[in-house]
Amino acid sequence: MRQVLADFSVSISELKKNPSALLAQACGSPIAVLNHNKPAAYLIPADTYEALMDMIEDYELAKLVEERRSDIDKAITVALDDL
């Protein structure tokens, strides 16, 4: 059985009836959408989704910086006036 990673859960049928009321009831927390008592999807507020996307982008940029720092011996010195 898969773990439900949310404090609130609803069936797909319940979600279809009144999604706005469910979002209000959850107060910004994620909602697990269940199909046959197994998580099929998670519903999160738009602000939370946008924050997650920002965090993922920051993480990917940090990985890129670390990769490039390991190649410091290949760096080329450039004067700002030359740019």
Protein backbone atom coordinates (compact mmCIF):
# COMPACT_ATOMS: atom_id res chain seq x y z
CA MET A 1 0.00 0.00 0.00
CA ARG A 2 1.31 3.44 -0.91
CA GLN A 3 1.72 6.05 1.78
CA VAL A 4 -0.60 9.09 1.69
CA LEU A 5 1.54 12.21 2.01
CA ALA A 6 -1.20 14.65 3.01
CA ASP A 7 -3.34 15.41 6.05
CA PHE A 8 -6.47 15.66 3.89
CA SER A 9 -7.74 13.08 1.42
CA VAL A 10 -10.78 12.80 -0.83
CA SER A 11 -12.08 10.40 -3.42
CA ILE A 12 -12.28 11.46 -7.04
CA SER A 13 -16.08 11.44 -6.70
CA GLU A 14 -15.96 13.85 -3.74
CA LEU A 15 -13.54 16.11 -5.61
CA LYS A 16 -15.92 16.37 -8.57
CA LYS A 17 -18.82 17.47 -6.34
CA ASN A 18 -17.30 20.62 -4.89
CA PRO A 19 -13.57 21.23 -5.39
CA SER A 20 -13.70 24.82 -4.11
CA ALA A 21 -15.15 23.73 -0.77
CA LEU A 22 -12.44 21.09 -0.39
CA LEU A 23 -9.70 23.62 -1.05
CA ALA A 24 -11.20 25.98 1.52
CA GLN A 25 -11.53 23.19 4.07
CA ALA A 26 -7.87 22.17 3.62
CA CYS A 27 -6.70 25.77 4.32
CA GLY A 28 -3.79 25.61 1.90
CA SER A 29 -2.64 22.12 2.83
CA PRO A 30 -2.17 19.45 0.15
CA ILE A 31 -5.12 17.17 -0.57
CA ALA A 32 -4.55 13.56 -1.59
CA VAL A 33 -6.98 12.50 -4.30
CA LEU A 34 -7.68 8.79 -3.91
CA ASN A 35 -8.77 6.28 -6.49
CA HIS A 36 -9.78 2.93 -4.95
CA ASN A 37 -8.20 4.11 -1.67
CA LYS A 38 -4.79 4.69 -3.29
CA PRO A 39 -3.27 8.13 -3.98
CA ALA A 40 -3.86 9.03 -7.62
CA ALA A 41 -2.85 12.69 -7.38
CA TYR A 42 -2.19 15.53 -4.98
CA LEU A 43 -4.00 18.86 -5.16
CA ILE A 44 -2.00 21.82 -3.89
CA PRO A 45 -2.66 25.57 -3.95
CA ALA A 46 -1.13 27.53 -6.85
CA ASP A 47 1.14 29.49 -4.45
CA THR A 48 2.56 26.26 -3.05
CA TYR A 49 3.16 24.88 -6.54
CA GLU A 50 4.94 28.07 -7.61
CA ALA A 51 7.14 27.96 -4.50
CA LEU A 52 8.04 24.32 -5.22
CA MET A 53 8.98 25.19 -8.80
CA ASP A 54 11.21 28.03 -7.53
CA MET A 55 12.90 25.65 -5.06
CA ILE A 56 13.53 23.07 -7.79
CA GLU A 57 15.00 25.73 -10.07
CA ASP A 58 17.29 26.96 -7.27
CA TYR A 59 18.40 23.39 -6.56
CA GLU A 60 19.21 22.74 -10.22
CA LEU A 61 21.17 26.00 -10.45
CA ALA A 62 23.11 25.09 -7.30
CA LYS A 63 24.04 21.72 -8.85
CA LEU A 64 25.24 23.50 -11.99
CA VAL A 65 27.36 25.91 -9.93
CA GLU A 66 28.96 22.99 -8.05
CA GLU A 67 29.72 21.17 -11.30
CA ARG A 68 31.35 24.26 -12.75
CA ARG A 69 33.32 24.92 -9.56
CA SER A 70 34.96 21.52 -9.96
CA ASP A 71 36.26 22.71 -13.36
CA ILE A 72 37.91 25.83 -11.95
CA ASP A 73 41.24 24.85 -13.53
CA LYS A 74 39.59 25.25 -16.97
CA ALA A 75 38.45 28.80 -16.18
CA ILE A 76 39.57 31.62 -18.45
CA THR A 77 40.51 34.98 -16.94
CA VAL A 78 38.72 37.87 -18.59
CA ALA A 79 38.92 41.58 -17.78
CA LEU A 80 35.61 43.38 -17.38
CA ASP A 81 36.75 46.00 -19.91
CA ASP A 82 37.07 43.24 -22.53
CA LEU A 83 33.43 42.34 -22.17
